[in-house]
Protein backbone atom coordinates (compact mmCIF):
# COMPACT_ATOMS: atom_id res chain seq x y z
CA MET A 1 -27.07 6.00 16.24
CA SER A 2 -25.45 7.07 12.98
CA ASP A 3 -26.24 5.80 9.53
CA ARG A 4 -23.63 3.11 8.79
CA ASN A 5 -24.45 3.16 5.05
CA GLU A 6 -22.56 6.44 4.62
CA ARG A 7 -19.19 4.89 5.49
CA THR A 8 -17.68 2.82 2.69
CA ARG A 9 -14.27 2.00 4.24
CA PRO A 10 -13.52 -0.05 7.34
CA THR A 11 -12.98 1.74 10.62
CA SER A 12 -9.32 2.01 11.62
CA ILE A 13 -8.83 0.82 15.23
CA ARG A 14 -5.86 1.42 17.56
CA THR A 15 -5.88 0.52 21.26
CA ALA A 16 -3.49 0.15 24.22
CA ILE A 17 -3.39 -0.70 27.91
CA THR A 18 -0.10 0.82 29.02
CA PRO A 19 1.88 2.19 31.95
CA ASP A 20 3.28 4.87 29.62
CA PRO A 21 1.93 8.46 29.61
CA LEU A 22 -0.93 8.94 27.14
CA ASP A 23 -0.19 12.53 26.15
CA ARG A 24 1.42 11.28 22.91
CA PHE A 25 -0.74 8.18 22.31
CA LEU A 26 -2.55 9.79 19.39
CA GLY A 27 0.79 11.04 18.07
CA ARG A 28 1.34 13.95 15.77
CA ALA A 29 -0.20 12.30 12.71
CA PRO A 30 -3.81 13.26 12.04
CA LEU A 31 -6.48 10.85 13.24
CA GLY A 32 -8.58 9.50 10.39
CA SER A 33 -8.31 10.59 6.77
CA HIS A 34 -9.38 13.36 4.39
CA SER A 35 -12.86 11.80 4.38
CA ASP A 36 -13.27 12.66 8.05
CA GLY A 37 -14.54 16.18 8.59
CA ALA A 38 -14.77 15.79 12.38
CA VAL A 39 -12.16 14.72 14.92
CA LEU A 40 -12.82 14.53 18.64
CA VAL A 41 -10.33 13.70 21.39
CA PHE A 42 -11.48 12.95 24.92
CA GLU A 43 -8.95 12.86 27.77
CA GLY A 44 -9.87 11.65 31.23
CA ARG A 45 -7.52 13.16 33.83
CA VAL A 46 -6.81 12.46 37.47
CA ARG A 47 -8.72 15.08 39.43
CA ASP A 48 -8.12 16.34 42.95
CA THR A 49 -11.46 15.32 44.49
CA ASN A 50 -13.95 12.48 44.30
CA GLU A 51 -17.29 12.62 46.07
CA GLY A 52 -16.02 15.50 48.20
CA ARG A 53 -12.81 13.75 49.32
CA PRO A 54 -9.43 15.30 48.44
CA VAL A 55 -7.51 12.88 46.21
CA ALA A 56 -3.68 12.83 46.30
CA ARG A 57 -3.08 10.28 43.50
CA LEU A 58 -4.53 7.18 41.82
CA GLY A 59 -3.30 3.71 41.06
CA TYR A 60 -4.77 1.63 38.24
CA GLU A 61 -4.48 -2.15 38.00
CA ALA A 62 -5.59 -4.31 35.11
CA TYR A 63 -5.79 -7.84 33.92
CA VAL A 64 -3.82 -6.71 30.86
CA ASP A 65 -4.59 -9.51 28.38
CA MET A 66 -8.31 -9.32 29.07
CA ALA A 67 -8.33 -5.51 29.16
CA THR A 68 -6.52 -5.32 25.81
CA ARG A 69 -9.03 -7.68 24.17
CA GLU A 70 -11.99 -5.86 25.72
CA LEU A 71 -10.79 -2.39 24.69
CA ASP A 72 -10.28 -3.61 21.14
CA ALA A 73 -13.78 -5.17 21.17
CA ILE A 74 -15.34 -1.93 22.44
CA CYS A 75 -13.71 0.07 19.64
CA ARG A 76 -14.67 -2.49 16.98
CA GLU A 77 -18.28 -2.44 18.22
CA ALA A 78 -18.27 1.35 17.99
CA GLY A 79 -16.95 1.04 14.41
CA ASP A 80 -19.90 -1.24 13.61
CA ARG A 81 -22.46 1.03 15.32
CA PHE A 82 -21.37 4.46 14.08
CA ALA A 83 -20.27 5.98 10.77
CA VAL A 84 -16.70 6.68 11.81
CA GLY A 85 -13.39 6.43 10.00
CA ALA A 86 -11.03 5.88 12.94
CA ILE A 87 -11.13 5.14 16.66
CA SER A 88 -8.16 5.15 19.04
CA ALA A 89 -8.42 4.42 22.75
CA ALA A 90 -5.93 3.78 25.53
CA HIS A 91 -6.02 3.39 29.31
CA ARG A 92 -3.15 3.88 31.72
CA VAL A 93 -2.15 1.49 34.47
CA GLY A 94 0.21 2.11 37.37
CA GLU A 95 0.54 5.10 39.70
CA LEU A 96 -0.79 8.42 38.36
CA GLU A 97 -0.45 11.89 39.80
CA LEU A 98 -3.02 14.71 39.76
CA GLY A 99 -3.53 15.97 36.21
CA ASP A 100 -2.16 12.84 34.52
CA VAL A 101 -4.22 11.52 31.61
CA SER A 102 -5.69 8.14 32.59
CA VAL A 103 -7.77 7.43 29.50
CA VAL A 104 -7.89 8.82 25.99
CA VAL A 105 -10.44 8.27 23.21
CA GLY A 106 -9.99 9.69 19.73
CA VAL A 107 -12.63 9.46 17.02
CA ALA A 108 -12.63 10.67 13.41
CA ALA A 109 -15.78 10.66 11.33
CA PRO A 110 -17.20 12.35 8.24
CA HIS A 111 -19.66 14.32 10.41
CA ARG A 112 -19.68 15.65 14.00
CA ASP A 113 -22.87 13.86 15.10
CA ALA A 114 -21.28 10.43 14.56
CA CYS A 115 -18.03 11.65 16.09
CA TYR A 116 -19.68 12.81 19.33
CA ALA A 117 -21.96 9.76 19.55
CA ALA A 118 -19.14 7.26 19.03
CA SER A 119 -16.82 9.01 21.48
CA ARG A 120 -19.48 9.09 24.20
CA TRP A 121 -20.40 5.46 23.57
CA VAL A 122 -16.75 4.30 23.75
CA ILE A 123 -15.98 6.08 27.04
CA GLU A 124 -19.20 4.83 28.64
CA GLU A 125 -18.41 1.24 27.58
CA ILE A 126 -14.85 1.58 28.88
CA LYS A 127 -16.21 2.67 32.28
CA ARG A 128 -18.74 -0.18 32.25
CA ARG A 129 -16.76 -3.10 30.81
CA LEU A 130 -13.00 -2.60 30.93
CA PRO A 131 -11.24 -4.76 33.58
CA VAL A 132 -9.17 -1.87 34.94
CA TRP A 133 -9.55 -0.99 38.61
CA LYS A 134 -8.91 2.34 40.29
CA HIS A 135 -7.26 2.66 43.70
CA GLU A 136 -7.82 6.17 45.06
CA HIS A 137 -5.27 7.52 47.55
CA TYR A 138 -6.66 10.40 49.59
CA SER A 139 -4.88 13.39 51.08
CA ASP A 140 -5.62 12.16 54.62
CA GLY A 141 -3.58 8.97 53.98
CA GLU A 142 -6.56 6.64 53.51
CA SER A 143 -7.27 4.81 50.27
CA ALA A 144 -10.12 2.90 48.63
CA TRP A 145 -10.70 0.77 45.54
CA VAL A 146 -13.26 2.23 43.15
CA GLY A 147 -15.03 -0.09 40.73
CA ALA A 148 -13.73 -3.38 42.22
CA PRO A 149 -13.19 -4.53 45.78
CA GLU A 150 -9.62 -5.19 46.86
CA ALA A 151 -10.45 -8.89 47.25
CA VAL A 152 -11.15 -9.11 43.51
CA THR A 153 -7.89 -7.48 42.43
CA ALA A 154 -5.92 -9.55 44.95
CA ARG A 155 -7.18 -12.76 43.28
CA LEU A 156 -5.86 -11.80 39.84
CA PRO A 157 -2.74 -13.74 38.85
CA ARG A 158 0.19 -11.49 39.79
CA ASP A 159 1.89 -11.93 36.39
CA SER A 160 -1.28 -10.78 34.60
CA ARG A 161 -1.65 -7.53 36.57
CA VAL A 162 0.03 -4.29 35.76
CA GLY A 163 -0.04 -1.40 38.14
């Protein structure tokens, strides 16, 4: 964990749960400020295999209101835990093709140690806590929910789900 005493300004937080592509979520403006000597961007992409099975595409569903609040909470907690100047994180929902970016985490900090630690912590918490469920569609035509059984996602109010 990084020394929080080094940071004298509040952490800037930006989050989104969106069906829109994430390739421009961080935008062209620099992440952080001139006080931040380290910037790290993590992109999670749809890959072509999972546990040895060929994957054709993925679908993500979310309880959007809850997911938005939880993603914001994760980033705020990271801002409290690590000496960082800015954190941005977003997760896609909807149908994604191979190579599409499904999640992005950007962190700016005065030093690289805090930058790496905060980025790793945020992505691990997203995987653990975010109410976003992955539906893998395999090349053989079969599919399976990963992270939540279909019965759970079917019980979500239809107007609260995106995907």
